[in-house]
Amino acid sequence: MSSPMGTAATVYSSRNLASSLILLN
């Protein structure tokens, strides 16, 4: 479960979600 692609996708998703929340707030 430690594939580079999976990790990158998770990091990107979390950052994108955080950015969206910040922009909404």
PDB file of N, CA and C in Angstrom:
ATOM      1  N   MET A   1       0.841  -1.213   0.000  1.00  0.00           N
ATOM      2  CA  MET A   1       0.000   0.000   0.000  1.00  0.00           C
ATOM      3  C   MET A   1       0.870   1.255   0.000  1.00  0.00           C
ATOM      4  N   SER A   2       2.172   1.088  -0.178  1.00  0.00           N
ATOM      5  CA  SER A   2       3.071   2.255  -0.136  1.00  0.00           C
ATOM      6  C   SER A   2       3.560   2.608  -1.531  1.00  0.00           C
ATOM      7  N   SER A   3       2.652   2.532  -2.498  1.00  0.00           N
ATOM      8  CA  SER A   3       3.046   2.855  -3.873  1.00  0.00           C
ATOM      9  C   SER A   3       3.176   4.368  -4.045  1.00  0.00           C
ATOM     10  N   PRO A   4       4.198   4.831  -4.753  1.00  0.00           N
ATOM     11  CA  PRO A   4       4.409   6.276  -4.966  1.00  0.00           C
ATOM     12  C   PRO A   4       3.170   6.964  -5.526  1.00  0.00           C
ATOM     13  N   MET A   5       2.514   6.314  -6.496  1.00  0.00           N
ATOM     14  CA  MET A   5       1.336   6.926  -7.115  1.00  0.00           C
ATOM     15  C   MET A   5       0.229   7.126  -6.089  1.00  0.00           C
ATOM     16  N   GLY A   6      -0.014   6.106  -5.269  1.00  0.00           N
ATOM     17  CA  GLY A   6      -1.060   6.211  -4.247  1.00  0.00           C
ATOM     18  C   GLY A   6      -0.746   7.318  -3.261  1.00  0.00           C
ATOM     19  N   THR A   7       0.518   7.380  -2.843  1.00  0.00           N
ATOM     20  CA  THR A   7       0.916   8.403  -1.879  1.00  0.00           C
ATOM     21  C   THR A   7       0.746   9.796  -2.470  1.00  0.00           C
ATOM     22  N   ALA A   8       1.210   9.971  -3.695  1.00  0.00           N
ATOM     23  CA  ALA A   8       1.110  11.279  -4.353  1.00  0.00           C
ATOM     24  C   ALA A   8      -0.351  11.675  -4.502  1.00  0.00           C
ATOM     25  N   ALA A   9      -1.198  10.715  -4.878  1.00  0.00           N
ATOM     26  CA  ALA A   9      -2.624  11.006  -5.059  1.00  0.00           C
ATOM     27  C   ALA A   9      -3.244  11.426  -3.733  1.00  0.00           C
ATOM     28  N   THR A  10      -2.870  10.723  -2.663  1.00  0.00           N
ATOM     29  CA  THR A  10      -3.428  11.054  -1.341  1.00  0.00           C
ATOM     30  C   THR A  10      -2.991  12.453  -0.909  1.00  0.00           C
ATOM     31  N   VAL A  11      -1.703  12.743  -1.073  1.00  0.00           N
ATOM     32  CA  VAL A  11      -1.185  14.063  -0.684  1.00  0.00           C
ATOM     33  C   VAL A  11      -1.862  15.156  -1.502  1.00  0.00           C
ATOM     34  N   TYR A  12      -1.980  14.932  -2.816  1.00  0.00           N
ATOM     35  CA  TYR A  12      -2.604  15.920  -3.695  1.00  0.00           C
ATOM     36  C   TYR A  12      -4.058  16.136  -3.302  1.00  0.00           C
ATOM     37  N   SER A  13      -4.764  15.038  -3.018  1.00  0.00           N
ATOM     38  CA  SER A  13      -6.184  15.127  -2.656  1.00  0.00           C
ATOM     39  C   SER A  13      -6.347  15.900  -1.357  1.00  0.00           C
ATOM     40  N   SER A  14      -5.513  15.586  -0.361  1.00  0.00           N
ATOM     41  CA  SER A  14      -5.620  16.257   0.923  1.00  0.00           C
ATOM     42  C   SER A  14      -5.315  17.745   0.783  1.00  0.00           C
ATOM     43  N   ARG A  15      -4.307  18.072  -0.003  1.00  0.00           N
ATOM     44  CA  ARG A  15      -3.965  19.487  -0.198  1.00  0.00           C
ATOM     45  C   ARG A  15      -5.082  20.204  -0.954  1.00  0.00           C
ATOM     46  N   ASN A  16      -5.643  19.532  -1.960  1.00  0.00           N
ATOM     47  CA  ASN A  16      -6.713  20.137  -2.744  1.00  0.00           C
ATOM     48  C   ASN A  16      -7.929  20.379  -1.857  1.00  0.00           C
ATOM     49  N   LEU A  17      -8.243  19.393  -1.004  1.00  0.00           N
ATOM     50  CA  LEU A  17      -9.380  19.527  -0.098  1.00  0.00           C
ATOM     51  C   LEU A  17      -9.141  20.674   0.880  1.00  0.00           C
ATOM     52  N   ALA A  18      -7.937  20.749   1.429  1.00  0.00           N
ATOM     53  CA  ALA A  18      -7.613  21.814   2.369  1.00  0.00           C
ATOM     54  C   ALA A  18      -7.725  23.176   1.693  1.00  0.00           C
ATOM     55  N   SER A  19      -7.226  23.278   0.465  1.00  0.00           N
ATOM     56  CA  SER A  19      -7.304  24.543  -0.272  1.00  0.00           C
ATOM     57  C   SER A  19      -8.755  24.932  -0.509  1.00  0.00           C
ATOM     58  N   SER A  20      -9.581  23.951  -0.843  1.00  0.00           N
ATOM     59  CA  SER A  20     -10.996  24.228  -1.100  1.00  0.00           C
ATOM     60  C   SER A  20     -11.663  24.745   0.172  1.00  0.00           C
ATOM     61  N   LEU A  21     -11.365  24.105   1.298  1.00  0.00           N
ATOM     62  CA  LEU A  21     -11.969  24.530   2.565  1.00  0.00           C
ATOM     63  C   LEU A  21     -11.531  25.948   2.907  1.00  0.00           C
ATOM     64  N   ILE A  22     -10.248  26.240   2.700  1.00  0.00           N
ATOM     65  CA  ILE A  22      -9.730  27.579   3.003  1.00  0.00           C
ATOM     66  C   ILE A  22     -10.403  28.620   2.106  1.00  0.00           C
ATOM     67  N   LEU A  23     -10.554  28.283   0.827  1.00  0.00           N
ATOM     68  CA  LEU A  23     -11.173  29.232  -0.103  1.00  0.00           C
ATOM     69  C   LEU A  23     -12.644  29.447   0.254  1.00  0.00           C
ATOM     70  N   LEU A  24     -13.317  28.366   0.659  1.00  0.00           N
ATOM     71  CA  LEU A  24     -14.739  28.490   1.014  1.00  0.00           C
ATOM     72  C   LEU A  24     -14.890  29.336   2.270  1.00  0.00           C
ATOM     73  N   ASN A  25     -13.933  29.187   3.192  1.00  0.00           N
ATOM     74  CA  ASN A  25     -14.006  29.958   4.440  1.00  0.00           C
ATOM     75  C   ASN A  25     -13.321  31.304   4.236  1.00  0.00           C
TER      76      ASN A  25
END
